[in-house]
Amino acid sequence: MKKTVLFACLTLTLFASEFQPMQHACDKKVATACFEFGLLYEKGLGVEQNRTKAIDYFTKGCEYGYDNACQKLDILHIGK
């Protein structure tokens, strides 16, 4: 049990330390960064789960040319 809690705390700390650089990269139209941000919001990893934000980031990733982001939108039945 202690190992699981420690892992969860370390994981959340790691995610938090990556938010600003990842956000900056997405703002600079780095498609993979947008996709990764979408995954965080979709799964609620280090952030409150938010489908709308996830879709927004997947959409940006798709618009910037990352096929995995486009596929994720298709899976979520949003299409692009």
PDB file of N, CA and C in Angstrom:
ATOM      1  N   MET A   1       0.830  -1.204   0.000  1.00  0.00           N
ATOM      2  CA  MET A   1       0.000   0.000   0.000  1.00  0.00           C
ATOM      3  C   MET A   1       0.869   1.259   0.000  1.00  0.00           C
ATOM      4  N   LYS A   2       1.904   1.279   0.838  1.00  0.00           N
ATOM      5  CA  LYS A   2       2.769   2.455   0.908  1.00  0.00           C
ATOM      6  C   LYS A   2       3.451   2.725  -0.425  1.00  0.00           C
ATOM      7  N   LYS A   3       3.854   1.654  -1.119  1.00  0.00           N
ATOM      8  CA  LYS A   3       4.501   1.823  -2.421  1.00  0.00           C
ATOM      9  C   LYS A   3       3.544   2.443  -3.428  1.00  0.00           C
ATOM     10  N   THR A   4       2.279   2.045  -3.399  1.00  0.00           N
ATOM     11  CA  THR A   4       1.287   2.588  -4.321  1.00  0.00           C
ATOM     12  C   THR A   4       1.071   4.074  -4.066  1.00  0.00           C
ATOM     13  N   VAL A   5       0.951   4.468  -2.811  1.00  0.00           N
ATOM     14  CA  VAL A   5       0.749   5.873  -2.456  1.00  0.00           C
ATOM     15  C   VAL A   5       1.968   6.691  -2.850  1.00  0.00           C
ATOM     16  N   LEU A   6       3.151   6.165  -2.578  1.00  0.00           N
ATOM     17  CA  LEU A   6       4.379   6.870  -2.935  1.00  0.00           C
ATOM     18  C   LEU A   6       4.471   7.044  -4.441  1.00  0.00           C
ATOM     19  N   PHE A   7       4.162   5.981  -5.189  1.00  0.00           N
ATOM     20  CA  PHE A   7       4.188   6.061  -6.644  1.00  0.00           C
ATOM     21  C   PHE A   7       3.211   7.115  -7.149  1.00  0.00           C
ATOM     22  N   ALA A   8       2.009   7.138  -6.589  1.00  0.00           N
ATOM     23  CA  ALA A   8       0.994   8.118  -7.003  1.00  0.00           C
ATOM     24  C   ALA A   8       1.470   9.533  -6.727  1.00  0.00           C
ATOM     25  N   CYS A   9       2.070   9.758  -5.574  1.00  0.00           N
ATOM     26  CA  CYS A   9       2.574  11.100  -5.228  1.00  0.00           C
ATOM     27  C   CYS A   9       3.704  11.517  -6.156  1.00  0.00           C
ATOM     28  N   LEU A  10       4.625  10.610  -6.422  1.00  0.00           N
ATOM     29  CA  LEU A  10       5.734  10.923  -7.323  1.00  0.00           C
ATOM     30  C   LEU A  10       5.238  11.178  -8.732  1.00  0.00           C
ATOM     31  N   THR A  11       4.264  10.407  -9.163  1.00  0.00           N
ATOM     32  CA  THR A  11       3.706  10.580 -10.498  1.00  0.00           C
ATOM     33  C   THR A  11       3.037  11.946 -10.631  1.00  0.00           C
ATOM     34  N   LEU A  12       2.245  12.335  -9.646  1.00  0.00           N
ATOM     35  CA  LEU A  12       1.578  13.639  -9.692  1.00  0.00           C
ATOM     36  C   LEU A  12       2.591  14.768  -9.667  1.00  0.00           C
ATOM     37  N   THR A  13       3.654  14.635  -8.890  1.00  0.00           N
ATOM     38  CA  THR A  13       4.703  15.651  -8.843  1.00  0.00           C
ATOM     39  C   THR A  13       5.381  15.758 -10.196  1.00  0.00           C
ATOM     40  N   LEU A  14       5.650  14.624 -10.818  1.00  0.00           N
ATOM     41  CA  LEU A  14       6.279  14.615 -12.126  1.00  0.00           C
ATOM     42  C   LEU A  14       5.381  15.290 -13.148  1.00  0.00           C
ATOM     43  N   PHE A  15       4.087  14.962 -13.143  1.00  0.00           N
ATOM     44  CA  PHE A  15       3.157  15.592 -14.068  1.00  0.00           C
ATOM     45  C   PHE A  15       3.118  17.104 -13.859  1.00  0.00           C
ATOM     46  N   ALA A  16       3.049  17.531 -12.605  1.00  0.00           N
ATOM     47  CA  ALA A  16       2.971  18.962 -12.306  1.00  0.00           C
ATOM     48  C   ALA A  16       4.199  19.695 -12.821  1.00  0.00           C
ATOM     49  N   SER A  17       5.376  19.079 -12.701  1.00  0.00           N
ATOM     50  CA  SER A  17       6.598  19.732 -13.153  1.00  0.00           C
ATOM     51  C   SER A  17       6.682  19.809 -14.673  1.00  0.00           C
ATOM     52  N   GLU A  18       5.889  19.013 -15.359  1.00  0.00           N
ATOM     53  CA  GLU A  18       5.904  18.989 -16.819  1.00  0.00           C
ATOM     54  C   GLU A  18       4.846  19.893 -17.447  1.00  0.00           C
ATOM     55  N   PHE A  19       3.915  20.393 -16.673  1.00  0.00           N
ATOM     56  CA  PHE A  19       2.811  21.167 -17.242  1.00  0.00           C
ATOM     57  C   PHE A  19       3.270  22.407 -17.996  1.00  0.00           C
ATOM     58  N   GLN A  20       4.079  23.239 -17.372  1.00  0.00           N
ATOM     59  CA  GLN A  20       4.476  24.485 -18.032  1.00  0.00           C
ATOM     60  C   GLN A  20       5.242  24.245 -19.328  1.00  0.00           C
ATOM     61  N   PRO A  21       6.285  23.378 -19.310  1.00  0.00           N
ATOM     62  CA  PRO A  21       6.983  23.142 -20.583  1.00  0.00           C
ATOM     63  C   PRO A  21       6.071  22.530 -21.658  1.00  0.00           C
ATOM     64  N   MET A  22       5.186  21.642 -21.238  1.00  0.00           N
ATOM     65  CA  MET A  22       4.287  21.010 -22.198  1.00  0.00           C
ATOM     66  C   MET A  22       3.305  22.040 -22.748  1.00  0.00           C
ATOM     67  N   GLN A  23       2.784  22.905 -21.888  1.00  0.00           N
ATOM     68  CA  GLN A  23       1.867  23.951 -22.336  1.00  0.00           C
ATOM     69  C   GLN A  23       2.572  24.893 -23.309  1.00  0.00           C
ATOM     70  N   HIS A  24       3.803  25.256 -22.973  1.00  0.00           N
ATOM     71  CA  HIS A  24       4.581  26.141 -23.846  1.00  0.00           C
ATOM     72  C   HIS A  24       4.796  25.483 -25.210  1.00  0.00           C
ATOM     73  N   ALA A  25       5.127  24.200 -25.207  1.00  0.00           N
ATOM     74  CA  ALA A  25       5.337  23.489 -26.462  1.00  0.00           C
ATOM     75  C   ALA A  25       4.052  23.433 -27.285  1.00  0.00           C
ATOM     76  N   CYS A  26       2.939  23.172 -26.623  1.00  0.00           N
ATOM     77  CA  CYS A  26       1.659  23.136 -27.342  1.00  0.00           C
ATOM     78  C   CYS A  26       1.342  24.511 -27.917  1.00  0.00           C
ATOM     79  N   ASP A  27       1.605  25.549 -27.137  1.00  0.00           N
ATOM     80  CA  ASP A  27       1.382  26.915 -27.631  1.00  0.00           C
ATOM     81  C   ASP A  27       2.252  27.221 -28.853  1.00  0.00           C
ATOM     82  N   LYS A  28       3.396  26.559 -28.939  1.00  0.00           N
ATOM     83  CA  LYS A  28       4.308  26.736 -30.083  1.00  0.00           C
ATOM     84  C   LYS A  28       3.983  25.761 -31.213  1.00  0.00           C
ATOM     85  N   LYS A  29       2.821  25.135 -31.123  1.00  0.00           N
ATOM     86  CA  LYS A  29       2.297  24.227 -32.149  1.00  0.00           C
ATOM     87  C   LYS A  29       3.078  22.920 -32.274  1.00  0.00           C
ATOM     88  N   VAL A  30       3.585  22.423 -31.130  1.00  0.00           N
ATOM     89  CA  VAL A  30       4.198  21.098 -31.104  1.00  0.00           C
ATOM     90  C   VAL A  30       3.054  20.105 -30.877  1.00  0.00           C
ATOM     91  N   ALA A  31       2.681  19.431 -31.931  1.00  0.00           N
ATOM     92  CA  ALA A  31       1.479  18.595 -31.933  1.00  0.00           C
ATOM     93  C   ALA A  31       1.509  17.497 -30.876  1.00  0.00           C
ATOM     94  N   THR A  32       2.654  16.874 -30.674  1.00  0.00           N
ATOM     95  CA  THR A  32       2.729  15.785 -29.693  1.00  0.00           C
ATOM     96  C   THR A  32       2.501  16.289 -28.277  1.00  0.00           C
ATOM     97  N   ALA A  33       2.931  17.507 -27.989  1.00  0.00           N
ATOM     98  CA  ALA A  33       2.701  18.085 -26.665  1.00  0.00           C
ATOM     99  C   ALA A  33       1.206  18.302 -26.436  1.00  0.00           C
ATOM    100  N   CYS A  34       0.525  18.784 -27.446  1.00  0.00           N
ATOM    101  CA  CYS A  34      -0.927  18.977 -27.339  1.00  0.00           C
ATOM    102  C   CYS A  34      -1.625  17.644 -27.106  1.00  0.00           C
ATOM    103  N   PHE A  35      -1.192  16.632 -27.850  1.00  0.00           N
ATOM    104  CA  PHE A  35      -1.771  15.298 -27.696  1.00  0.00           C
ATOM    105  C   PHE A  35      -1.558  14.775 -26.276  1.00  0.00           C
ATOM    106  N   GLU A  36      -0.349  14.906 -25.758  1.00  0.00           N
ATOM    107  CA  GLU A  36      -0.044  14.426 -24.409  1.00  0.00           C
ATOM    108  C   GLU A  36      -0.881  15.171 -23.366  1.00  0.00           C
ATOM    109  N   PHE A  37      -1.040  16.464 -23.555  1.00  0.00           N
ATOM    110  CA  PHE A  37      -1.883  17.242 -22.646  1.00  0.00           C
ATOM    111  C   PHE A  37      -3.321  16.724 -22.704  1.00  0.00           C
ATOM    112  N   GLY A  38      -3.789  16.419 -23.893  1.00  0.00           N
ATOM    113  CA  GLY A  38      -5.122  15.855 -24.043  1.00  0.00           C
ATOM    114  C   GLY A  38      -5.283  14.553 -23.273  1.00  0.00           C
ATOM    115  N   LEU A  39      -4.257  13.713 -23.322  1.00  0.00           N
ATOM    116  CA  LEU A  39      -4.298  12.455 -22.579  1.00  0.00           C
ATOM    117  C   LEU A  39      -4.392  12.696 -21.072  1.00  0.00           C
ATOM    118  N   LEU A  40      -3.630  13.682 -20.578  1.00  0.00           N
ATOM    119  CA  LEU A  40      -3.686  13.987 -19.145  1.00  0.00           C
ATOM    120  C   LEU A  40      -5.094  14.376 -18.729  1.00  0.00           C
ATOM    121  N   TYR A  41      -5.720  15.231 -19.521  1.00  0.00           N
ATOM    122  CA  TYR A  41      -7.084  15.659 -19.196  1.00  0.00           C
ATOM    123  C   TYR A  41      -8.102  14.541 -19.399  1.00  0.00           C
ATOM    124  N   GLU A  42      -7.903  13.726 -20.403  1.00  0.00           N
ATOM    125  CA  GLU A  42      -8.828  12.624 -20.641  1.00  0.00           C
ATOM    126  C   GLU A  42      -8.812  11.637 -19.468  1.00  0.00           C
ATOM    127  N   LYS A  43      -7.634  11.338 -18.976  1.00  0.00           N
ATOM    128  CA  LYS A  43      -7.484  10.338 -17.911  1.00  0.00           C
ATOM    129  C   LYS A  43      -7.530  10.941 -16.505  1.00  0.00           C
ATOM    130  N   GLY A  44      -7.412  12.273 -16.403  1.00  0.00           N
ATOM    131  CA  GLY A  44      -7.373  12.900 -15.084  1.00  0.00           C
ATOM    132  C   GLY A  44      -6.070  12.635 -14.364  1.00  0.00           C
ATOM    133  N   LEU A  45      -4.977  12.638 -15.093  1.00  0.00           N
ATOM    134  CA  LEU A  45      -3.659  12.378 -14.522  1.00  0.00           C
ATOM    135  C   LEU A  45      -2.971  13.686 -14.152  1.00  0.00           C
ATOM    136  N   GLY A  46      -2.954  14.001 -12.872  1.00  0.00           N
ATOM    137  CA  GLY A  46      -2.319  15.225 -12.412  1.00  0.00           C
ATOM    138  C   GLY A  46      -3.189  16.463 -12.553  1.00  0.00           C
ATOM    139  N   VAL A  47      -4.332  16.298 -13.184  1.00  0.00           N
ATOM    140  CA  VAL A  47      -5.302  17.379 -13.362  1.00  0.00           C
ATOM    141  C   VAL A  47      -6.690  16.782 -13.147  1.00  0.00           C
ATOM    142  N   GLU A  48      -7.649  17.647 -12.951  1.00  0.00           N
ATOM    143  CA  GLU A  48      -9.023  17.157 -12.855  1.00  0.00           C
ATOM    144  C   GLU A  48      -9.452  16.663 -14.240  1.00  0.00           C
ATOM    145  N   GLN A  49     -10.051  15.497 -14.284  1.00  0.00           N
ATOM    146  CA  GLN A  49     -10.498  14.937 -15.553  1.00  0.00           C
ATOM    147  C   GLN A  49     -11.474  15.901 -16.211  1.00  0.00           C
ATOM    148  N   ASN A  50     -11.233  16.184 -17.502  1.00  0.00           N
ATOM    149  CA  ASN A  50     -12.051  17.158 -18.204  1.00  0.00           C
ATOM    150  C   ASN A  50     -12.091  16.785 -19.685  1.00  0.00           C
ATOM    151  N   ARG A  51     -13.184  16.199 -20.097  1.00  0.00           N
ATOM    152  CA  ARG A  51     -13.329  15.739 -21.485  1.00  0.00           C
ATOM    153  C   ARG A  51     -13.256  16.901 -22.477  1.00  0.00           C
ATOM    154  N   THR A  52     -13.840  18.028 -22.129  1.00  0.00           N
ATOM    155  CA  THR A  52     -13.841  19.179 -23.036  1.00  0.00           C
ATOM    156  C   THR A  52     -12.420  19.666 -23.299  1.00  0.00           C
ATOM    157  N   LYS A  53     -11.626  19.796 -22.244  1.00  0.00           N
ATOM    158  CA  LYS A  53     -10.238  20.229 -22.420  1.00  0.00           C
ATOM    159  C   LYS A  53      -9.438  19.184 -23.184  1.00  0.00           C
ATOM    160  N   ALA A  54      -9.702  17.913 -22.899  1.00  0.00           N
ATOM    161  CA  ALA A  54      -9.011  16.844 -23.617  1.00  0.00           C
ATOM    162  C   ALA A  54      -9.280  16.966 -25.113  1.00  0.00           C
ATOM    163  N   ILE A  55     -10.530  17.150 -25.464  1.00  0.00           N
ATOM    164  CA  ILE A  55     -10.905  17.274 -26.870  1.00  0.00           C
ATOM    165  C   ILE A  55     -10.253  18.504 -27.490  1.00  0.00           C
ATOM    166  N   ASP A  56     -10.210  19.602 -26.751  1.00  0.00           N
ATOM    167  CA  ASP A  56      -9.554  20.820 -27.263  1.00  0.00           C
ATOM    168  C   ASP A  56      -8.087  20.555 -27.599  1.00  0.00           C
ATOM    169  N   TYR A  57      -7.393  19.864 -26.698  1.00  0.00           N
ATOM    170  CA  TYR A  57      -5.977  19.576 -26.941  1.00  0.00           C
ATOM    171  C   TYR A  57      -5.790  18.550 -28.052  1.00  0.00           C
ATOM    172  N   PHE A  58      -6.648  17.545 -28.116  1.00  0.00           N
ATOM    173  CA  PHE A  58      -6.564  16.582 -29.218  1.00  0.00           C
ATOM    174  C   PHE A  58      -6.816  17.277 -30.558  1.00  0.00           C
ATOM    175  N   THR A  59      -7.755  18.220 -30.559  1.00  0.00           N
ATOM    176  CA  THR A  59      -8.058  18.968 -31.773  1.00  0.00           C
ATOM    177  C   THR A  59      -6.842  19.774 -32.228  1.00  0.00           C
ATOM    178  N   LYS A  60      -6.187  20.447 -31.282  1.00  0.00           N
ATOM    179  CA  LYS A  60      -4.976  21.198 -31.632  1.00  0.00           C
ATOM    180  C   LYS A  60      -3.917  20.261 -32.201  1.00  0.00           C
ATOM    181  N   GLY A  61      -3.703  19.131 -31.531  1.00  0.00           N
ATOM    182  CA  GLY A  61      -2.710  18.171 -32.010  1.00  0.00           C
ATOM    183  C   GLY A  61      -3.018  17.689 -33.411  1.00  0.00           C
ATOM    184  N   CYS A  62      -4.282  17.452 -33.689  1.00  0.00           N
ATOM    185  CA  CYS A  62      -4.716  17.019 -35.016  1.00  0.00           C
ATOM    186  C   CYS A  62      -4.493  18.131 -36.033  1.00  0.00           C
ATOM    187  N   GLU A  63      -4.882  19.344 -35.689  1.00  0.00           N
ATOM    188  CA  GLU A  63      -4.700  20.487 -36.590  1.00  0.00           C
ATOM    189  C   GLU A  63      -3.225  20.725 -36.903  1.00  0.00           C
ATOM    190  N   TYR A  64      -2.353  20.402 -35.940  1.00  0.00           N
ATOM    191  CA  TYR A  64      -0.917  20.593 -36.133  1.00  0.00           C
ATOM    192  C   TYR A  64      -0.258  19.392 -36.805  1.00  0.00           C
ATOM    193  N   GLY A  65      -1.086  18.408 -37.204  1.00  0.00           N
ATOM    194  CA  GLY A  65      -0.589  17.336 -38.038  1.00  0.00           C
ATOM    195  C   GLY A  65      -0.237  16.026 -37.352  1.00  0.00           C
ATOM    196  N   TYR A  66      -0.668  15.823 -36.106  1.00  0.00           N
ATOM    197  CA  TYR A  66      -0.344  14.581 -35.412  1.00  0.00           C
ATOM    198  C   TYR A  66      -1.490  13.597 -35.577  1.00  0.00           C
ATOM    199  N   ASP A  67      -1.246  12.547 -36.351  1.00  0.00           N
ATOM    200  CA  ASP A  67      -2.291  11.580 -36.694  1.00  0.00           C
ATOM    201  C   ASP A  67      -2.903  10.901 -35.472  1.00  0.00           C
ATOM    202  N   ASN A  68      -2.101  10.639 -34.436  1.00  0.00           N
ATOM    203  CA  ASN A  68      -2.644   9.994 -33.232  1.00  0.00           C
ATOM    204  C   ASN A  68      -3.720  10.862 -32.585  1.00  0.00           C
ATOM    205  N   ALA A  69      -3.547  12.167 -32.647  1.00  0.00           N
ATOM    206  CA  ALA A  69      -4.555  13.074 -32.092  1.00  0.00           C
ATOM    207  C   ALA A  69      -5.840  12.998 -32.915  1.00  0.00           C
ATOM    208  N   CYS A  70      -5.692  12.917 -34.223  1.00  0.00           N
ATOM    209  CA  CYS A  70      -6.868  12.784 -35.095  1.00  0.00           C
ATOM    210  C   CYS A  70      -7.589  11.460 -34.830  1.00  0.00           C
ATOM    211  N   GLN A  71      -6.815  10.406 -34.650  1.00  0.00           N
ATOM    212  CA  GLN A  71      -7.404   9.105 -34.356  1.00  0.00           C
ATOM    213  C   GLN A  71      -8.137   9.122 -33.019  1.00  0.00           C
ATOM    214  N   LYS A  72      -7.562   9.822 -32.051  1.00  0.00           N
ATOM    215  CA  LYS A  72      -8.197   9.920 -30.730  1.00  0.00           C
ATOM    216  C   LYS A  72      -9.535  10.632 -30.857  1.00  0.00           C
ATOM    217  N   LEU A  73      -9.588  11.676 -31.659  1.00  0.00           N
ATOM    218  CA  LEU A  73     -10.860  12.371 -31.885  1.00  0.00           C
ATOM    219  C   LEU A  73     -11.880  11.443 -32.528  1.00  0.00           C
ATOM    220  N   ASP A  74     -11.436  10.629 -33.471  1.00  0.00           N
ATOM    221  CA  ASP A  74     -12.345   9.649 -34.096  1.00  0.00           C
ATOM    222  C   ASP A  74     -12.860   8.662 -33.073  1.00  0.00           C
ATOM    223  N   ILE A  75     -11.969   8.188 -32.203  1.00  0.00           N
ATOM    224  CA  ILE A  75     -12.364   7.243 -31.159  1.00  0.00           C
ATOM    225  C   ILE A  75     -13.395   7.887 -30.228  1.00  0.00           C
ATOM    226  N   LEU A  76     -13.210   9.153 -29.938  1.00  0.00           N
ATOM    227  CA  LEU A  76     -14.153   9.878 -29.077  1.00  0.00           C
ATOM    228  C   LEU A  76     -15.390  10.325 -29.855  1.00  0.00           C
ATOM    229  N   HIS A  77     -15.450   9.961 -31.138  1.00  0.00           N
ATOM    230  CA  HIS A  77     -16.594  10.267 -32.026  1.00  0.00           C
ATOM    231  C   HIS A  77     -16.771  11.760 -32.251  1.00  0.00           C
ATOM    232  N   ILE A  78     -15.661  12.464 -32.253  1.00  0.00           N
ATOM    233  CA  ILE A  78     -15.701  13.898 -32.516  1.00  0.00           C
ATOM    234  C   ILE A  78     -15.408  14.145 -33.998  1.00  0.00           C
ATOM    235  N   GLY A  79     -14.431  13.393 -34.538  1.00  0.00           N
ATOM    236  CA  GLY A  79     -14.036  13.553 -35.929  1.00  0.00           C
ATOM    237  C   GLY A  79     -13.399  14.893 -36.176  1.00  0.00           C
ATOM    238  N   LYS A  80     -12.624  14.972 -37.194  1.00  0.00           N
ATOM    239  CA  LYS A  80     -11.958  16.239 -37.555  1.00  0.00           C
ATOM    240  C   LYS A  80     -11.725  16.248 -39.030  1.00  0.00           C
TER     241      LYS A  80
END
